[in-house]
C-alpha cells in the first residue's frame, strides 16, 4: 500500500467511526440530554442528511480547487463538526454538529476515489479505491467498538473528542503524504452536472440506492436480532458487529482485484450473492455458529458491491467523475435510510425480528435488475456505435506532407534513385559513382 493511499484510508477510518458509532451511543446520549432513544435516533438521520446534501453541494463548490487542498478542507470541516458535537450544550446543538460532520462525508470519498485512481496505473485503479475504503471497513472492526466502549465509560463527549483528534491526524497525513494533483483545465460545475445526467451514471446511482438498501435493512437491526432472534446476551452485540466489520473488510479486499478484472460481472455476482445470503439468514438464527457465519457473509457480499458501483459511475462520467463519485455516497446514505425504514416497517407489522432480511432480499434483487438493465443498455449502445462507424467510416486522413528533399537523381537507365536510410547511404569518398542526369 502506498503512503498516499494509507493517508486516505486513515481519513476513511475516522469518517467510518463517526458515522456508525452513534448507533451504539444512543442510550447514553438520550440519558445525558434528557430525551428518548427514538428522538435521539434523529442524530443518525441528521448525519445522513448532511451526507446527502453535502456530497453534491461541496463537490460543486470545490470543483476548481486542487484535489489535495480540497481533501484537507473537507477533513477540516469533518474535524470541526465532531468537535462541535463534543461541545454541544444541548440536543439541538448536537443535531447541528452531527449534520455538520456529515456534510464532507460524500464529497471526501468522491474526491478521494478520484485521487486514489490517479495514484496508480489504469489496471489497478479499482484496487486503489478499495484500499481507501478499507479504512471504512476497519472502522467497523476496531473504531466503532472501541469508540462505543469509550463512550460508555467516559461519556459520549469523549468519543467525539477522540474522533476529532483522528481528523487532525488524518489532515497531517494528507498534507504530508498525498502528492499535489491539480484540477483538470476543463473541469467546472457545468461539466460535472452534465456527466451526472449520463444515463449509465443515473442507473448506477439507482442500483446503489436499491441494492445497498438490502444491507441496511438488516444491519440497522442487527443488535436486536442478536439478542432477540439469535439468543445471545447484550455483551455479545459488540462481537457480532465486529464480525460484520470483518466481513466488510474481506469483501473490500476481494472487490478491488475482481472489479479491475471484470466490473459488471463482479457487480452482478455480489448483488445476487447478497440476495441469497439475505434469504438464507433467517433460517440460520437458531444455530449460533451458522448465524455468526451468515453475519460475516452478509458483510462481505454487501460491501463487495461498493467498489464496482464506485468505479462504474466514475468510468461512465468519463472526464468529469468527481460529482458522480460523490453522489454515489449520497445514494448509499439514501439506501441506509430507506433500508432501515423498510426493515422497521416489517418488524412493526409483526412479521418477526428476522423479517427485514426478506425485505433486504427483495431490495437486492431490485438492485440486480437495475444493474442488469444498465448493462444491457450499455451493450446496445456500444453495438449501435459500432454499426454507425461501419456504415459511415471516417474519411481517410490526408497524406502527410513529404519532407523537402533535393530533386532525386536519375540514373542512365531512366530509373530514379530511392531514398535510403542515412545509415545505409555510402559515405562520400573516392570511388566511381553513377552519373546523374541533367
Protein backbone atom coordinates (compact mmCIF):
# COMPACT_ATOMS: atom_id res chain seq x y z
CA UNK A 1 0.00 0.00 0.00
CA UNK A 2 1.41 3.42 -0.95
CA UNK A 3 1.69 6.02 1.79
CA UNK A 4 -0.74 8.32 -0.03
CA UNK A 5 -3.38 5.56 -0.06
CA UNK A 6 -2.65 4.96 3.63
CA UNK A 7 -3.42 8.63 4.35
CA UNK A 8 -6.75 8.29 2.53
CA UNK A 9 -7.51 5.09 4.46
CA UNK A 10 -6.78 6.81 7.80
CA UNK A 11 -9.22 9.57 6.83
CA UNK A 12 -11.83 6.95 5.88
CA UNK A 13 -11.28 5.27 9.26
CA UNK A 14 -12.20 8.49 11.06
CA UNK A 15 -15.26 9.07 8.88
CA UNK A 16 -16.45 5.48 9.29
CA UNK A 17 -16.05 5.64 13.06
CA UNK A 18 -18.14 8.79 13.49
CA UNK A 19 -20.79 7.57 11.03
CA UNK A 20 -21.58 4.29 12.80
CA UNK A 21 -20.64 4.95 16.44
CA UNK A 22 -23.83 6.91 17.14
CA UNK A 23 -25.88 3.71 16.83
CA UNK A 24 -24.13 2.33 19.92
CA UNK A 25 -24.25 5.60 21.89
CA UNK A 26 -27.94 6.46 21.50
CA UNK A 27 -28.95 5.27 25.01
CA UNK A 28 -26.07 7.21 26.62
CA UNK A 29 -26.87 10.39 24.69
CA UNK A 30 -30.60 10.09 25.44
CA UNK A 31 -29.96 9.68 29.20
CA UNK A 32 -27.47 12.54 29.35
CA UNK A 33 -29.57 15.05 27.40
CA UNK A 34 -32.92 14.01 28.86
CA UNK A 35 -34.59 12.72 25.71
CA UNK A 36 -35.92 9.39 24.46
CA UNK A 37 -33.96 6.87 22.42
CA UNK A 38 -36.27 7.24 19.36
CA UNK A 39 -35.76 11.02 19.49
CA UNK A 40 -32.00 10.54 19.87
CA UNK A 41 -32.22 8.46 16.68
CA UNK A 42 -32.63 11.75 14.82
CA UNK A 43 -28.88 12.18 15.31
CA UNK A 44 -28.33 9.31 12.86
CA UNK A 45 -30.71 10.93 10.40
CA UNK A 46 -29.01 14.34 10.81
CA UNK A 47 -25.67 12.84 9.76
CA UNK A 48 -27.22 11.05 6.77
CA UNK A 49 -28.98 14.24 5.64
CA UNK A 50 -25.65 16.05 5.88
CA UNK A 51 -24.08 13.44 3.60
CA UNK A 52 -26.89 13.64 1.03
CA UNK A 53 -26.79 17.45 0.90
CA UNK A 54 -23.06 17.91 1.27
CA UNK A 55 -21.90 15.49 -1.43
CA UNK A 56 -23.20 17.43 -4.47
CA UNK A 57 -23.02 20.87 -2.82
CA UNK A 58 -19.41 20.78 -1.60
CA UNK A 59 -18.19 18.88 -4.66
CA UNK A 60 -19.71 21.55 -6.92
CA UNK A 61 -18.29 24.42 -4.87
CA UNK A 62 -14.85 22.81 -4.87
CA UNK A 63 -14.73 21.75 -8.50
CA UNK A 64 -11.96 24.27 -9.29
CA UNK A 65 -9.92 23.64 -6.13
CA UNK A 66 -6.84 21.37 -6.43
CA UNK A 67 -7.61 17.87 -5.18
CA UNK A 68 -5.21 17.81 -2.24
CA UNK A 69 -6.36 21.19 -0.93
CA UNK A 70 -9.98 20.05 -1.28
CA UNK A 71 -9.30 16.89 0.75
CA UNK A 72 -7.68 18.96 3.51
CA UNK A 73 -10.61 21.41 3.59
CA UNK A 74 -13.15 18.59 3.80
CA UNK A 75 -11.28 16.84 6.61
CA UNK A 76 -11.04 20.18 8.46
CA UNK A 77 -14.82 20.54 8.24
CA UNK A 78 -15.21 16.97 9.47
CA UNK A 79 -12.99 17.74 12.47
CA UNK A 80 -14.91 20.92 13.31
CA UNK A 81 -18.22 19.03 13.12
CA UNK A 82 -17.03 16.39 15.59
CA UNK A 83 -15.57 19.00 17.91
CA UNK A 84 -18.90 20.86 17.83
CA UNK A 85 -20.67 17.60 18.67
CA UNK A 86 -18.39 17.02 21.66
CA UNK A 87 -19.02 20.54 23.00
CA UNK A 88 -22.76 20.71 22.19
CA UNK A 89 -24.63 22.24 25.18
CA UNK A 90 -27.97 20.63 24.33
CA UNK A 91 -29.69 18.23 21.94
CA UNK A 92 -30.36 20.83 19.23
CA UNK A 93 -26.71 21.81 19.02
CA UNK A 94 -25.72 18.14 18.89
CA UNK A 95 -28.06 17.63 15.92
CA UNK A 96 -26.38 20.60 14.22
CA UNK A 97 -22.92 19.19 14.98
CA UNK A 98 -23.84 15.80 13.51
CA UNK A 99 -25.23 17.47 10.40
CA UNK A 100 -22.02 19.49 10.03
CA UNK A 101 -19.85 16.37 10.46
CA UNK A 102 -21.87 14.59 7.74
CA UNK A 103 -21.54 17.36 5.15
CA UNK A 104 -17.99 16.48 3.96
CA UNK A 105 -18.52 12.68 4.03
CA UNK A 106 -19.69 12.09 0.47
CA UNK A 107 -17.53 14.81 -1.07
CA UNK A 108 -14.41 13.42 0.65
CA UNK A 109 -14.98 9.89 -0.64
CA UNK A 110 -15.87 11.27 -4.08
CA UNK A 111 -12.69 13.32 -4.39
CA UNK A 112 -10.67 10.66 -2.57
CA UNK A 113 -11.74 7.95 -5.02
CA UNK A 114 -10.62 10.12 -7.95
CA UNK A 115 -7.29 10.84 -6.25
CA UNK A 116 -6.75 7.15 -5.39
CA UNK A 117 -7.41 6.18 -9.01
CA UNK A 118 -4.92 8.81 -10.22
CA UNK A 119 -2.16 7.46 -7.98
CA UNK A 120 -1.88 4.06 -9.70
CA UNK A 121 -1.74 2.61 -13.23
CA UNK A 122 -5.07 2.16 -15.01
CA UNK A 123 -5.26 -1.59 -14.43
CA UNK A 124 -5.06 -1.17 -10.64
CA UNK A 125 -7.50 1.68 -10.07
CA UNK A 126 -10.30 -0.38 -8.52
CA UNK A 127 -7.80 -1.88 -6.06
CA UNK A 128 -6.65 1.61 -5.11
CA UNK A 129 -10.23 2.76 -4.47
CA UNK A 130 -10.90 -0.42 -2.46
CA UNK A 131 -7.77 0.28 -0.38
CA UNK A 132 -9.16 3.67 0.61
CA UNK A 133 -12.44 2.03 1.61
CA UNK A 134 -10.53 -0.42 3.82
CA UNK A 135 -10.33 2.40 6.36
CA UNK A 136 -14.12 2.48 6.43
CA UNK A 137 -14.39 -1.27 6.98
CA UNK A 138 -11.64 -1.41 9.62
CA UNK A 139 -13.55 1.31 11.47
CA UNK A 140 -16.37 -1.21 11.94
CA UNK A 141 -13.96 -3.79 13.38
CA UNK A 142 -11.86 -1.55 15.63
CA UNK A 143 -13.04 2.06 15.62
CA UNK A 144 -16.75 1.66 16.33
CA UNK A 145 -16.45 -0.96 19.13
CA UNK A 146 -13.58 0.96 20.78
CA UNK A 147 -15.36 4.31 20.48
CA UNK A 148 -18.57 2.81 21.85
CA UNK A 149 -16.70 1.33 24.82
CA UNK A 150 -15.00 4.68 25.42
CA UNK A 151 -18.33 6.50 25.34
CA UNK A 152 -19.91 4.05 27.78
CA UNK A 153 -17.12 4.53 30.33
CA UNK A 154 -16.00 8.16 29.86
CA UNK A 155 -19.13 9.67 28.31
CA UNK A 156 -20.22 10.18 24.73
CA UNK A 157 -18.45 13.56 24.51
CA UNK A 158 -15.09 11.82 24.92
CA UNK A 159 -15.88 9.71 21.86
CA UNK A 160 -16.33 12.75 19.63
CA UNK A 161 -13.21 14.41 21.04
CA UNK A 162 -11.19 11.32 20.07
CA UNK A 163 -12.75 11.29 16.58
CA UNK A 164 -11.84 14.98 16.20
CA UNK A 165 -8.25 14.05 17.12
CA UNK A 166 -8.32 11.34 14.43
CA UNK A 167 -9.44 14.05 11.99
CA UNK A 168 -6.41 16.18 12.90
CA UNK A 169 -4.10 13.17 12.44
CA UNK A 170 -5.70 12.46 9.06
CA UNK A 171 -5.14 16.07 7.98
CA UNK A 172 -1.45 15.78 8.89
CA UNK A 173 -1.16 12.53 6.92
CA UNK A 174 -2.90 14.01 3.87
CA UNK A 175 -0.70 17.12 3.93
CA UNK A 176 2.46 15.04 4.24
CA UNK A 177 1.81 12.01 2.05
CA UNK A 178 -0.65 12.88 -0.75
CA UNK A 179 1.02 14.47 -3.79
CA UNK A 180 -0.33 17.62 -5.37
CA UNK A 181 -2.90 16.67 -8.02
CA UNK A 182 -4.13 19.69 -9.99
CA UNK A 183 -7.67 20.07 -11.27
CA UNK A 184 -8.02 19.37 -14.98
CA UNK A 185 -8.15 22.56 -17.04
CA UNK A 186 -11.60 21.69 -18.44
CA UNK A 187 -13.14 20.90 -15.05
CA UNK A 188 -16.12 23.00 -13.93
CA UNK A 189 -19.53 22.60 -12.31
CA UNK A 190 -21.47 22.54 -15.57
CA UNK A 191 -19.33 19.76 -16.97
CA UNK A 192 -19.76 17.76 -13.75
CA UNK A 193 -23.54 18.24 -13.87
CA UNK A 194 -23.67 17.08 -17.49
CA UNK A 195 -21.71 13.96 -16.54
CA UNK A 196 -24.14 13.32 -13.68
CA UNK A 197 -27.00 13.32 -16.23
CA UNK A 198 -25.47 10.39 -18.11
CA UNK A 199 -28.00 7.54 -18.21
CA UNK A 200 -25.46 4.94 -17.10
CA UNK A 201 -24.41 7.12 -14.16
CA UNK A 202 -28.04 7.57 -13.06
CA UNK A 203 -28.70 3.84 -13.34
CA UNK A 204 -25.57 3.15 -11.29
CA UNK A 205 -26.79 5.51 -8.55
CA UNK A 206 -30.20 3.87 -8.62
CA UNK A 207 -28.56 0.45 -8.30
CA UNK A 208 -26.75 1.68 -5.18
CA UNK A 209 -29.98 3.00 -3.63
CA UNK A 210 -31.85 -0.29 -4.03
CA UNK A 211 -29.05 -2.86 -3.81
CA UNK A 212 -27.28 -1.41 -0.78
CA UNK A 213 -30.61 -0.79 0.99
CA UNK A 214 -30.81 -4.57 1.28
CA UNK A 215 -27.73 -4.50 3.53
CA UNK A 216 -29.05 -1.78 5.83
CA UNK A 217 -32.48 -3.36 6.14
CA UNK A 218 -30.70 -5.97 8.29
CA UNK A 219 -27.67 -4.09 9.66
CA UNK A 220 -29.84 -1.41 11.25
CA UNK A 221 -31.50 -4.09 13.42
CA UNK A 222 -28.58 -6.46 13.84
CA UNK A 223 -28.20 -5.62 17.54
CA UNK A 224 -31.84 -6.51 18.24
CA UNK A 225 -31.58 -9.67 16.11
CA UNK A 226 -28.51 -10.72 18.11
CA UNK A 227 -30.39 -10.73 21.42
CA UNK A 228 -33.99 -11.46 20.36
CA UNK A 229 -33.53 -13.89 17.46
CA UNK A 230 -30.08 -15.48 17.90
CA UNK A 231 -30.37 -15.72 21.69
CA UNK A 232 -27.07 -14.02 22.59
CA UNK A 233 -26.67 -11.71 25.58
CA UNK A 234 -26.20 -7.95 25.24
CA UNK A 235 -22.48 -8.34 25.87
CA UNK A 236 -22.20 -10.24 22.57
CA UNK A 237 -23.55 -7.40 20.44
CA UNK A 238 -20.09 -5.82 20.07
CA UNK A 239 -18.67 -9.15 18.89
CA UNK A 240 -21.43 -9.60 16.29
CA UNK A 241 -20.92 -6.06 14.98
CA UNK A 242 -17.17 -6.71 14.78
CA UNK A 243 -17.83 -9.90 12.78
CA UNK A 244 -19.91 -7.86 10.35
CA UNK A 245 -16.98 -5.45 10.06
CA UNK A 246 -14.60 -8.34 9.35
CA UNK A 247 -16.91 -9.43 6.55
CA UNK A 248 -16.93 -5.90 5.16
CA UNK A 249 -13.11 -5.88 5.12
CA UNK A 250 -12.93 -9.25 3.35
CA UNK A 251 -15.45 -8.01 0.79
CA UNK A 252 -13.44 -4.85 0.15
CA UNK A 253 -10.23 -6.84 -0.28
CA UNK A 254 -11.88 -9.17 -2.80
CA UNK A 255 -13.77 -6.45 -4.68
CA UNK A 256 -10.70 -4.50 -5.79
CA UNK A 257 -8.95 -7.09 -8.00
CA UNK A 258 -12.27 -8.60 -9.14
CA UNK A 259 -13.53 -5.20 -10.29
CA UNK A 260 -10.26 -4.49 -12.12
CA UNK A 261 -10.71 -7.81 -13.95
CA UNK A 262 -14.46 -7.68 -14.69
CA UNK A 263 -16.53 -4.79 -13.35
CA UNK A 264 -20.09 -5.70 -14.29
CA UNK A 265 -19.80 -9.44 -13.52
CA UNK A 266 -18.45 -8.51 -10.06
CA UNK A 267 -21.45 -6.22 -9.52
CA UNK A 268 -23.95 -8.83 -10.73
CA UNK A 269 -22.34 -11.57 -8.66
CA UNK A 270 -22.20 -9.55 -5.43
CA UNK A 271 -25.83 -8.41 -5.70
CA UNK A 272 -27.00 -11.95 -6.50
CA UNK A 273 -24.98 -13.38 -3.60
CA UNK A 274 -26.40 -10.67 -1.31
CA UNK A 275 -29.95 -11.73 -2.16
CA UNK A 276 -29.14 -15.40 -1.48
CA UNK A 277 -27.47 -14.66 1.88
CA UNK A 278 -30.41 -12.48 2.98
CA UNK A 279 -32.93 -15.20 2.14
CA UNK A 280 -30.88 -17.83 3.99
CA UNK A 281 -30.13 -15.71 7.06
CA UNK A 282 -33.48 -16.15 8.92
CA UNK A 283 -33.18 -19.94 8.65
CA UNK A 284 -29.80 -19.99 10.44
CA UNK A 285 -30.55 -17.90 13.55
CA UNK A 286 -31.37 -20.96 15.67
CA UNK A 287 -27.86 -22.37 15.11
CA UNK A 288 -25.46 -19.89 16.64
CA UNK A 289 -22.31 -20.73 14.66
CA UNK A 290 -24.28 -20.68 11.40
CA UNK A 291 -25.86 -17.35 12.30
CA UNK A 292 -22.44 -15.82 13.03
CA UNK A 293 -21.08 -17.18 9.74
CA UNK A 294 -24.01 -15.58 7.91
CA UNK A 295 -23.25 -12.26 9.58
CA UNK A 296 -19.70 -12.38 8.18
CA UNK A 297 -21.02 -13.37 4.73
CA UNK A 298 -23.59 -10.57 4.81
CA UNK A 299 -20.88 -8.00 5.50
CA UNK A 300 -18.65 -9.46 2.76
CA UNK A 301 -21.12 -9.69 -0.12
CA UNK A 302 -22.84 -6.46 0.91
CA UNK A 303 -19.68 -4.39 0.87
CA UNK A 304 -18.38 -6.13 -2.24
CA UNK A 305 -20.95 -4.10 -4.18
CA UNK A 306 -19.43 -0.73 -3.25
CA UNK A 307 -16.20 -0.80 -5.30
CA UNK A 308 -17.78 -1.84 -8.64
CA UNK A 309 -20.56 0.73 -8.15
CA UNK A 310 -17.97 3.42 -7.38
CA UNK A 311 -15.86 2.56 -10.43
CA UNK A 312 -18.93 2.26 -12.66
CA UNK A 313 -20.11 5.81 -12.05
CA UNK A 314 -16.54 7.15 -12.30
CA UNK A 315 -15.95 5.38 -15.62
CA UNK A 316 -19.27 6.43 -17.13
CA UNK A 317 -18.80 10.04 -16.01
CA UNK A 318 -15.56 9.91 -18.02
CA UNK A 319 -13.52 13.11 -17.62
CA UNK A 320 -15.84 14.67 -15.02
CA UNK A 321 -16.09 11.91 -12.40
CA UNK A 322 -15.89 13.81 -9.11
CA UNK A 323 -19.55 14.83 -8.67
CA UNK A 324 -20.79 11.42 -9.82
CA UNK A 325 -18.39 9.71 -7.42
CA UNK A 326 -19.53 11.90 -4.51
CA UNK A 327 -23.20 11.45 -5.42
CA UNK A 328 -22.67 7.70 -5.12
CA UNK A 329 -22.25 8.22 -1.38
CA UNK A 330 -25.46 10.21 -1.27
CA UNK A 331 -27.06 7.16 -2.87
CA UNK A 332 -25.52 4.87 -0.24
CA UNK A 333 -26.93 7.04 2.55
CA UNK A 334 -30.36 7.07 0.92
CA UNK A 335 -30.04 3.29 0.90
CA UNK A 336 -29.15 3.46 4.59
CA UNK A 337 -32.26 5.46 5.45
CA UNK A 338 -34.59 3.58 3.11
CA UNK A 339 -33.41 0.11 4.12
CA UNK A 340 -33.71 0.93 7.82
CA UNK A 341 -37.22 2.34 7.34
CA UNK A 342 -38.48 -0.63 5.32
CA UNK A 343 -36.93 -3.09 7.77
CA UNK A 344 -38.66 -1.27 10.62
CA UNK A 345 -41.98 -1.44 8.78
CA UNK A 346 -41.63 -5.23 8.54
CA UNK A 347 -40.90 -5.55 12.26
CA UNK A 348 -43.75 -3.20 13.22
CA UNK A 349 -46.12 -5.28 11.08
CA UNK A 350 -45.43 -8.25 13.34
CA UNK A 351 -43.52 -10.32 10.80
CA UNK A 352 -40.70 -11.10 13.24
CA UNK A 353 -37.23 -9.81 14.08
CA UNK A 354 -35.62 -11.51 11.08
CA UNK A 355 -38.23 -10.27 8.58
CA UNK A 356 -36.00 -7.35 7.46
CA UNK A 357 -33.78 -9.96 5.80
CA UNK A 358 -36.57 -10.89 3.36
CA UNK A 359 -37.22 -7.19 2.72
CA UNK A 360 -33.50 -6.79 2.04
CA UNK A 361 -33.51 -9.71 -0.39
CA UNK A 362 -36.27 -8.05 -2.43
CA UNK A 363 -34.29 -4.81 -2.49
CA UNK A 364 -31.11 -6.63 -3.56
CA UNK A 365 -32.98 -8.34 -6.42
CA UNK A 366 -34.36 -4.95 -7.48
CA UNK A 367 -30.81 -3.56 -7.49
CA UNK A 368 -29.63 -6.54 -9.56
CA UNK A 369 -32.45 -5.98 -12.07
CA UNK A 370 -31.48 -2.31 -12.46
CA UNK A 371 -27.80 -3.23 -12.85
CA UNK A 372 -28.62 -5.88 -15.48
CA UNK A 373 -30.82 -3.40 -17.37
CA UNK A 374 -27.99 -0.86 -17.35
CA UNK A 375 -25.57 -3.49 -18.67
CA UNK A 376 -27.98 -4.48 -21.46
CA UNK A 377 -28.46 -0.84 -22.50
CA UNK A 378 -24.72 -0.23 -22.37
CA UNK A 379 -24.04 -3.17 -24.69
CA UNK A 380 -26.80 -1.98 -27.02
CA UNK A 381 -25.31 1.49 -27.19
CA UNK A 382 -21.88 0.02 -27.91
CA UNK A 383 -23.28 -2.16 -30.73
CA UNK A 384 -25.11 0.82 -32.23
CA UNK A 385 -21.95 2.92 -32.20
CA UNK A 386 -20.05 0.12 -33.93
CA UNK A 387 -22.69 -0.12 -36.68
CA UNK A 388 -22.67 3.63 -37.21
CA UNK A 389 -18.89 3.62 -37.57
CA UNK A 390 -19.07 0.68 -40.01
CA UNK A 391 -21.78 2.35 -42.13
CA UNK A 392 -20.11 5.76 -42.18
CA UNK A 393 -16.41 5.25 -41.98
CA UNK A 394 -14.45 8.40 -41.42
CA UNK A 395 -12.58 9.86 -44.35
CA UNK A 396 -9.01 8.72 -44.64
CA UNK A 397 -6.57 11.11 -43.16
CA UNK A 398 -4.88 13.47 -45.60
CA UNK A 399 -1.40 12.30 -46.57
CA UNK A 400 1.34 13.83 -44.53
CA UNK A 401 3.36 16.35 -46.49
CA UNK A 402 6.64 14.89 -47.55
CA UNK A 403 9.77 16.42 -46.16
CA UNK A 404 11.66 18.66 -48.55
CA UNK A 405 14.40 16.85 -50.40
CA UNK A 406 16.52 17.90 -53.33
CA UNK A 407 15.44 16.52 -56.70
CA UNK A 408 16.11 12.82 -56.84
CA UNK A 409 18.89 11.93 -59.29
CA UNK A 410 18.06 9.73 -62.30
CA UNK A 411 20.37 7.01 -63.48
CA UNK A 412 21.35 6.40 -67.10
CA UNK A 413 18.72 3.65 -67.48
CA UNK A 414 15.99 6.14 -66.62
CA UNK A 415 15.24 4.87 -63.07
CA UNK A 416 15.05 7.26 -60.17
CA UNK A 417 17.22 6.79 -57.10
CA UNK A 418 15.32 5.67 -53.97
CA UNK A 419 15.81 7.32 -50.59
CA UNK A 420 17.93 5.24 -48.28
CA UNK A 421 18.27 5.47 -44.54
CA UNK A 422 21.17 7.64 -43.51
CA UNK A 423 22.92 4.67 -42.03
CA UNK A 424 22.63 2.74 -45.30
CA UNK A 425 23.91 5.51 -47.54
CA UNK A 426 27.54 5.20 -48.52
CA UNK A 427 29.69 7.95 -47.13
CA UNK A 428 31.19 10.40 -49.53
CA UNK A 429 34.61 9.39 -50.61
CA UNK A 430 36.71 8.22 -53.51
CA UNK A 431 35.33 5.71 -55.86
CA UNK A 432 33.23 5.61 -59.01
CA UNK A 433 29.75 6.92 -58.94
CA UNK A 434 26.92 6.54 -61.34
CA UNK A 435 26.40 9.70 -63.31
CA UNK A 436 23.23 11.63 -62.73
CA UNK A 437 21.03 13.13 -65.33
CA UNK A 438 20.93 16.83 -66.06
